[in-house]
């Protein structure tokens, strides 16, 4: 009696199992590589700037430019969106960077919050 057919025998290789052929490649089927990511960095965070009645447009534009590292034009667009819609996303990135951006905006007492993208 050959060892492969003995009950309780565990073959060392798949090729040692009688009748087992390597799986055929199917179109559109591939190997899924699992990459582990830290849950805190897997999805982006956002800094949301809220409109207020205490700061002038120019003052907010300069602070958004300083905090988010955007051009004067982009900072103006963000500021105007917050002014007209009540809030605007002014930065997106990892949590540490968002905390830095929010801290700079809060230096002049702008109202901001950090939110996390939760998916669908």
N, C-alpha and C. Protein backbone atom coordinates (compact mmCIF):
# COMPACT_ATOMS: atom_id res chain seq x y z
N UNK A 1 0.85 -1.17 0.00
CA UNK A 1 0.00 0.00 0.00
C UNK A 1 0.89 1.23 0.00
N UNK A 2 0.56 2.15 -0.90
CA UNK A 2 1.42 3.33 -0.99
C UNK A 2 1.00 4.33 0.09
N UNK A 3 1.95 5.15 0.56
CA UNK A 3 1.76 6.02 1.71
C UNK A 3 0.66 7.06 1.50
N UNK A 4 0.47 7.54 0.26
CA UNK A 4 -0.51 8.58 -0.02
C UNK A 4 -1.93 8.10 0.20
N UNK A 5 -2.19 6.79 0.09
CA UNK A 5 -3.55 6.31 0.26
C UNK A 5 -3.81 5.81 1.67
N UNK A 6 -2.84 5.85 2.54
CA UNK A 6 -2.99 5.41 3.91
C UNK A 6 -3.79 6.43 4.69
N UNK A 7 -4.88 6.03 5.38
CA UNK A 7 -5.68 6.98 6.15
C UNK A 7 -4.84 7.67 7.22
N UNK A 8 -5.05 8.97 7.35
CA UNK A 8 -4.32 9.74 8.33
C UNK A 8 -3.00 10.28 7.83
N UNK A 9 -2.62 9.90 6.62
CA UNK A 9 -1.36 10.42 6.06
C UNK A 9 -1.60 11.82 5.54
N UNK A 10 -0.71 12.72 5.89
CA UNK A 10 -0.80 14.09 5.39
C UNK A 10 0.32 14.30 4.41
N UNK A 11 -0.02 14.49 3.14
CA UNK A 11 1.03 14.70 2.14
C UNK A 11 1.79 15.98 2.43
N UNK A 12 3.07 15.96 2.13
CA UNK A 12 3.89 17.15 2.35
C UNK A 12 3.70 18.18 1.25
N UNK A 13 3.35 17.75 0.07
CA UNK A 13 3.15 18.66 -1.05
C UNK A 13 1.83 18.34 -1.73
N UNK A 14 1.20 19.34 -2.33
CA UNK A 14 -0.05 19.14 -3.04
C UNK A 14 0.13 18.15 -4.18
N UNK A 15 1.30 18.16 -4.79
CA UNK A 15 1.56 17.27 -5.90
C UNK A 15 1.53 15.80 -5.48
N UNK A 16 1.68 15.51 -4.18
CA UNK A 16 1.66 14.14 -3.66
C UNK A 16 0.25 13.59 -3.51
N UNK A 17 -0.77 14.45 -3.64
CA UNK A 17 -2.15 14.00 -3.51
C UNK A 17 -2.59 13.46 -4.86
N UNK A 18 -3.01 12.17 -4.90
CA UNK A 18 -3.45 11.60 -6.17
C UNK A 18 -4.61 12.38 -6.78
N UNK A 19 -4.51 12.66 -8.07
CA UNK A 19 -5.59 13.35 -8.79
C UNK A 19 -5.62 14.85 -8.59
N UNK A 20 -4.63 15.40 -7.92
CA UNK A 20 -4.64 16.85 -7.74
C UNK A 20 -3.72 17.49 -8.75
N UNK A 21 -4.31 18.28 -9.55
CA UNK A 21 -3.55 19.04 -10.54
C UNK A 21 -3.54 20.49 -10.08
N UNK A 22 -2.51 21.25 -10.44
CA UNK A 22 -2.52 22.66 -10.08
C UNK A 22 -3.74 23.34 -10.67
N UNK A 23 -4.33 24.29 -9.95
CA UNK A 23 -5.52 24.97 -10.48
C UNK A 23 -5.21 25.72 -11.76
N UNK A 24 -6.15 25.67 -12.68
CA UNK A 24 -5.99 26.38 -13.95
C UNK A 24 -6.22 27.86 -13.71
N UNK A 25 -5.52 28.67 -14.46
CA UNK A 25 -5.70 30.12 -14.36
C UNK A 25 -7.05 30.48 -14.97
N UNK A 26 -7.86 31.16 -14.24
CA UNK A 26 -9.15 31.61 -14.73
C UNK A 26 -9.02 33.07 -15.10
N UNK A 27 -9.62 33.46 -16.23
CA UNK A 27 -9.54 34.87 -16.61
C UNK A 27 -10.22 35.75 -15.57
N UNK A 28 -9.55 36.82 -15.21
CA UNK A 28 -10.11 37.77 -14.26
C UNK A 28 -9.93 37.37 -12.80
N UNK A 29 -9.28 36.24 -12.57
CA UNK A 29 -9.06 35.78 -11.20
C UNK A 29 -7.58 35.87 -10.92
N UNK A 30 -7.23 36.47 -9.83
CA UNK A 30 -5.83 36.61 -9.48
C UNK A 30 -5.64 36.40 -7.99
N UNK A 31 -4.46 36.63 -7.56
CA UNK A 31 -4.14 36.48 -6.15
C UNK A 31 -4.38 37.81 -5.46
N UNK A 32 -5.10 37.77 -4.38
CA UNK A 32 -5.38 38.97 -3.60
C UNK A 32 -4.31 39.10 -2.54
N UNK A 33 -3.61 40.20 -2.57
CA UNK A 33 -2.58 40.44 -1.58
C UNK A 33 -3.19 41.25 -0.44
N UNK A 34 -3.09 40.72 0.75
CA UNK A 34 -3.65 41.39 1.92
C UNK A 34 -2.56 42.26 2.53
N UNK A 35 -2.86 43.54 2.62
CA UNK A 35 -1.93 44.49 3.20
C UNK A 35 -2.58 45.02 4.47
N UNK A 36 -1.92 44.81 5.59
CA UNK A 36 -2.46 45.32 6.84
C UNK A 36 -2.09 46.77 7.00
N UNK A 37 -3.09 47.59 7.33
CA UNK A 37 -2.86 49.00 7.55
C UNK A 37 -3.36 49.37 8.93
N UNK A 38 -2.74 50.35 9.50
CA UNK A 38 -3.20 50.87 10.77
C UNK A 38 -4.57 51.49 10.53
N UNK A 39 -5.54 51.16 11.34
CA UNK A 39 -6.90 51.66 11.15
C UNK A 39 -6.95 53.18 11.15
N UNK A 40 -6.07 53.82 11.88
CA UNK A 40 -6.09 55.29 11.97
C UNK A 40 -5.61 55.94 10.68
N UNK A 41 -4.82 55.22 9.88
CA UNK A 41 -4.31 55.83 8.65
C UNK A 41 -4.93 55.23 7.40
N UNK A 42 -5.81 54.27 7.54
CA UNK A 42 -6.38 53.61 6.38
C UNK A 42 -7.29 54.55 5.58
N UNK A 43 -8.03 55.38 6.24
CA UNK A 43 -8.94 56.31 5.58
C UNK A 43 -8.57 57.73 6.00
N UNK A 44 -8.82 58.70 5.11
CA UNK A 44 -8.37 60.06 5.42
C UNK A 44 -9.21 60.75 6.49
N UNK A 45 -8.57 61.73 7.09
CA UNK A 45 -9.23 62.65 8.02
C UNK A 45 -9.38 63.98 7.30
N UNK A 46 -10.31 64.79 7.78
CA UNK A 46 -10.58 66.09 7.17
C UNK A 46 -10.60 67.17 8.24
N UNK A 47 -10.08 68.34 7.90
CA UNK A 47 -10.23 69.51 8.76
C UNK A 47 -11.35 70.34 8.15
N UNK A 48 -12.36 70.58 8.95
CA UNK A 48 -13.53 71.34 8.49
C UNK A 48 -13.49 72.71 9.15
N UNK A 49 -13.54 73.73 8.33
CA UNK A 49 -13.55 75.13 8.78
C UNK A 49 -15.00 75.61 8.77
N UNK A 50 -15.42 76.22 9.88
CA UNK A 50 -16.78 76.75 9.98
C UNK A 50 -16.78 78.26 9.82
N UNK A 51 -17.87 78.76 9.28
CA UNK A 51 -18.04 80.20 9.13
C UNK A 51 -18.25 80.84 10.51
N UNK A 52 -17.79 82.06 10.65
CA UNK A 52 -18.10 82.82 11.85
C UNK A 52 -18.25 84.29 11.48
N UNK A 53 -18.77 85.06 12.40
CA UNK A 53 -19.01 86.48 12.17
C UNK A 53 -17.97 87.36 12.85
N UNK A 54 -16.86 86.78 13.26
CA UNK A 54 -15.87 87.53 14.03
C UNK A 54 -14.59 87.86 13.27
N UNK A 55 -14.33 87.15 12.20
CA UNK A 55 -13.08 87.33 11.44
C UNK A 55 -13.39 87.87 10.05
N UNK A 56 -12.50 88.75 9.59
CA UNK A 56 -12.62 89.26 8.23
C UNK A 56 -12.15 88.20 7.23
N UNK A 57 -12.63 88.32 6.00
CA UNK A 57 -12.28 87.37 4.94
C UNK A 57 -10.76 87.30 4.76
N UNK A 58 -10.11 88.45 4.70
CA UNK A 58 -8.66 88.48 4.48
C UNK A 58 -7.90 87.75 5.58
N UNK A 59 -8.36 87.94 6.82
CA UNK A 59 -7.71 87.30 7.95
C UNK A 59 -7.83 85.77 7.87
N UNK A 60 -9.01 85.29 7.48
CA UNK A 60 -9.24 83.85 7.36
C UNK A 60 -8.44 83.28 6.20
N UNK A 61 -8.42 83.98 5.08
CA UNK A 61 -7.67 83.51 3.91
C UNK A 61 -6.20 83.32 4.27
N UNK A 62 -5.62 84.30 4.95
CA UNK A 62 -4.21 84.20 5.33
C UNK A 62 -3.95 83.02 6.27
N UNK A 63 -4.87 82.80 7.21
CA UNK A 63 -4.67 81.71 8.16
C UNK A 63 -4.87 80.34 7.49
N UNK A 64 -5.82 80.23 6.58
CA UNK A 64 -6.02 78.98 5.84
C UNK A 64 -4.80 78.69 4.98
N UNK A 65 -4.28 79.72 4.35
CA UNK A 65 -3.08 79.58 3.52
C UNK A 65 -1.91 79.08 4.37
N UNK A 66 -1.74 79.68 5.53
CA UNK A 66 -0.66 79.30 6.45
C UNK A 66 -0.84 77.86 6.96
N UNK A 67 -2.06 77.52 7.35
CA UNK A 67 -2.32 76.22 7.97
C UNK A 67 -2.30 75.07 6.97
N UNK A 68 -2.98 75.25 5.85
CA UNK A 68 -3.16 74.15 4.90
C UNK A 68 -2.07 74.10 3.83
N UNK A 69 -1.27 75.16 3.75
CA UNK A 69 -0.20 75.18 2.75
C UNK A 69 -0.72 75.28 1.33
N UNK A 70 -1.80 76.02 1.15
CA UNK A 70 -2.39 76.19 -0.18
C UNK A 70 -2.11 77.60 -0.69
N UNK A 71 -2.38 77.80 -1.97
CA UNK A 71 -2.17 79.11 -2.57
C UNK A 71 -3.22 80.09 -2.04
N UNK A 72 -2.97 81.37 -2.28
CA UNK A 72 -3.92 82.41 -1.85
C UNK A 72 -5.27 82.20 -2.53
N UNK A 73 -5.23 81.81 -3.79
CA UNK A 73 -6.48 81.56 -4.53
C UNK A 73 -7.27 80.40 -3.91
N UNK A 74 -6.58 79.29 -3.62
CA UNK A 74 -7.25 78.14 -3.00
C UNK A 74 -7.78 78.49 -1.62
N UNK A 75 -7.00 79.24 -0.85
CA UNK A 75 -7.43 79.65 0.49
C UNK A 75 -8.66 80.54 0.41
N UNK A 76 -8.70 81.41 -0.61
CA UNK A 76 -9.87 82.27 -0.80
C UNK A 76 -11.10 81.44 -1.13
N UNK A 77 -10.94 80.43 -2.01
CA UNK A 77 -12.08 79.57 -2.38
C UNK A 77 -12.60 78.80 -1.17
N UNK A 78 -11.69 78.27 -0.34
CA UNK A 78 -12.09 77.55 0.87
C UNK A 78 -12.83 78.49 1.82
N UNK A 79 -12.29 79.67 2.01
CA UNK A 79 -12.89 80.67 2.90
C UNK A 79 -14.29 81.06 2.42
N UNK A 80 -14.43 81.28 1.13
CA UNK A 80 -15.73 81.67 0.58
C UNK A 80 -16.75 80.54 0.67
N UNK A 81 -16.29 79.30 0.52
CA UNK A 81 -17.22 78.18 0.68
C UNK A 81 -17.71 78.11 2.13
N UNK A 82 -16.79 78.27 3.08
CA UNK A 82 -17.19 78.28 4.49
C UNK A 82 -18.15 79.44 4.77
N UNK A 83 -17.87 80.59 4.17
CA UNK A 83 -18.71 81.77 4.36
C UNK A 83 -20.12 81.57 3.79
N UNK A 84 -20.20 81.01 2.58
CA UNK A 84 -21.50 80.88 1.92
C UNK A 84 -22.27 79.62 2.32
N UNK A 85 -21.58 78.52 2.61
CA UNK A 85 -22.28 77.27 2.93
C UNK A 85 -22.25 76.92 4.42
N UNK A 86 -21.49 77.69 5.19
CA UNK A 86 -21.44 77.45 6.62
C UNK A 86 -20.23 76.62 7.04
N UNK A 87 -19.65 75.88 6.11
CA UNK A 87 -18.46 75.10 6.42
C UNK A 87 -17.79 74.66 5.13
N UNK A 88 -16.51 74.30 5.26
CA UNK A 88 -15.74 73.84 4.10
C UNK A 88 -14.60 72.95 4.57
N UNK A 89 -14.30 71.94 3.77
CA UNK A 89 -13.13 71.12 4.05
C UNK A 89 -11.92 71.91 3.59
N UNK A 90 -10.98 72.14 4.50
CA UNK A 90 -9.81 72.92 4.12
C UNK A 90 -8.54 72.09 4.07
N UNK A 91 -8.61 70.84 4.54
CA UNK A 91 -7.42 69.98 4.49
C UNK A 91 -7.86 68.53 4.64
N UNK A 92 -7.12 67.63 3.99
CA UNK A 92 -7.37 66.20 4.09
C UNK A 92 -6.03 65.49 4.21
N UNK A 93 -5.93 64.54 5.13
CA UNK A 93 -4.69 63.81 5.30
C UNK A 93 -4.75 62.91 6.51
N UNK A 94 -3.57 62.53 7.01
CA UNK A 94 -3.55 61.66 8.19
C UNK A 94 -3.87 62.48 9.44
N UNK A 95 -4.16 61.80 10.51
CA UNK A 95 -4.65 62.46 11.72
C UNK A 95 -3.64 63.45 12.30
N UNK A 96 -2.35 63.10 12.25
CA UNK A 96 -1.34 63.99 12.83
C UNK A 96 -1.27 65.31 12.07
N UNK A 97 -1.29 65.24 10.75
CA UNK A 97 -1.24 66.46 9.94
C UNK A 97 -2.51 67.29 10.14
N UNK A 98 -3.65 66.63 10.22
CA UNK A 98 -4.90 67.36 10.44
C UNK A 98 -4.90 68.07 11.79
N UNK A 99 -4.33 67.44 12.78
CA UNK A 99 -4.24 68.08 14.09
C UNK A 99 -3.35 69.33 14.04
N UNK A 100 -2.27 69.28 13.27
CA UNK A 100 -1.39 70.44 13.12
C UNK A 100 -2.12 71.58 12.40
N UNK A 101 -2.82 71.23 11.32
CA UNK A 101 -3.56 72.24 10.56
C UNK A 101 -4.64 72.88 11.44
N UNK A 102 -5.38 72.06 12.16
CA UNK A 102 -6.44 72.58 13.04
C UNK A 102 -5.86 73.49 14.12
N UNK A 103 -4.72 73.13 14.66
CA UNK A 103 -4.09 73.96 15.70
C UNK A 103 -3.71 75.33 15.16
N UNK A 104 -3.20 75.39 13.95
CA UNK A 104 -2.83 76.68 13.34
C UNK A 104 -4.08 77.53 13.10
N UNK A 105 -5.16 76.90 12.64
CA UNK A 105 -6.40 77.65 12.42
C UNK A 105 -6.97 78.16 13.75
N UNK A 106 -6.81 77.38 14.79
CA UNK A 106 -7.32 77.78 16.11
C UNK A 106 -6.49 78.87 16.77
N UNK A 107 -5.28 79.13 16.25
CA UNK A 107 -4.44 80.20 16.80
C UNK A 107 -5.18 81.54 16.83
N UNK A 108 -6.03 81.77 15.82
CA UNK A 108 -6.79 83.02 15.78
C UNK A 108 -8.26 82.76 16.14
N UNK A 109 -8.50 81.65 16.79
CA UNK A 109 -9.82 81.27 17.29
C UNK A 109 -10.84 81.01 16.19
N UNK A 110 -10.38 80.45 15.07
CA UNK A 110 -11.33 79.97 14.06
C UNK A 110 -11.95 78.68 14.58
N UNK A 111 -13.19 78.44 14.19
CA UNK A 111 -13.87 77.23 14.62
C UNK A 111 -13.64 76.13 13.58
N UNK A 112 -13.01 75.05 14.04
CA UNK A 112 -12.71 73.93 13.16
C UNK A 112 -12.96 72.63 13.90
N UNK A 113 -13.11 71.58 13.13
CA UNK A 113 -13.17 70.24 13.70
C UNK A 113 -12.46 69.28 12.76
N UNK A 114 -12.05 68.16 13.31
CA UNK A 114 -11.42 67.10 12.52
C UNK A 114 -12.43 65.96 12.44
N UNK A 115 -12.68 65.51 11.23
CA UNK A 115 -13.63 64.42 11.02
C UNK A 115 -12.92 63.31 10.28
N UNK A 116 -13.40 62.10 10.45
CA UNK A 116 -12.79 60.93 9.82
C UNK A 116 -13.75 60.38 8.78
N UNK A 117 -13.22 60.07 7.61
CA UNK A 117 -14.04 59.47 6.56
C UNK A 117 -14.40 58.07 6.99
N UNK A 118 -15.69 57.78 7.09
CA UNK A 118 -16.13 56.49 7.60
C UNK A 118 -16.53 55.52 6.51
N UNK A 119 -16.35 55.87 5.26
CA UNK A 119 -16.74 54.96 4.17
C UNK A 119 -18.18 55.18 3.77
N UNK A 120 -18.68 54.21 3.02
CA UNK A 120 -20.04 54.35 2.47
C UNK A 120 -21.11 54.27 3.51
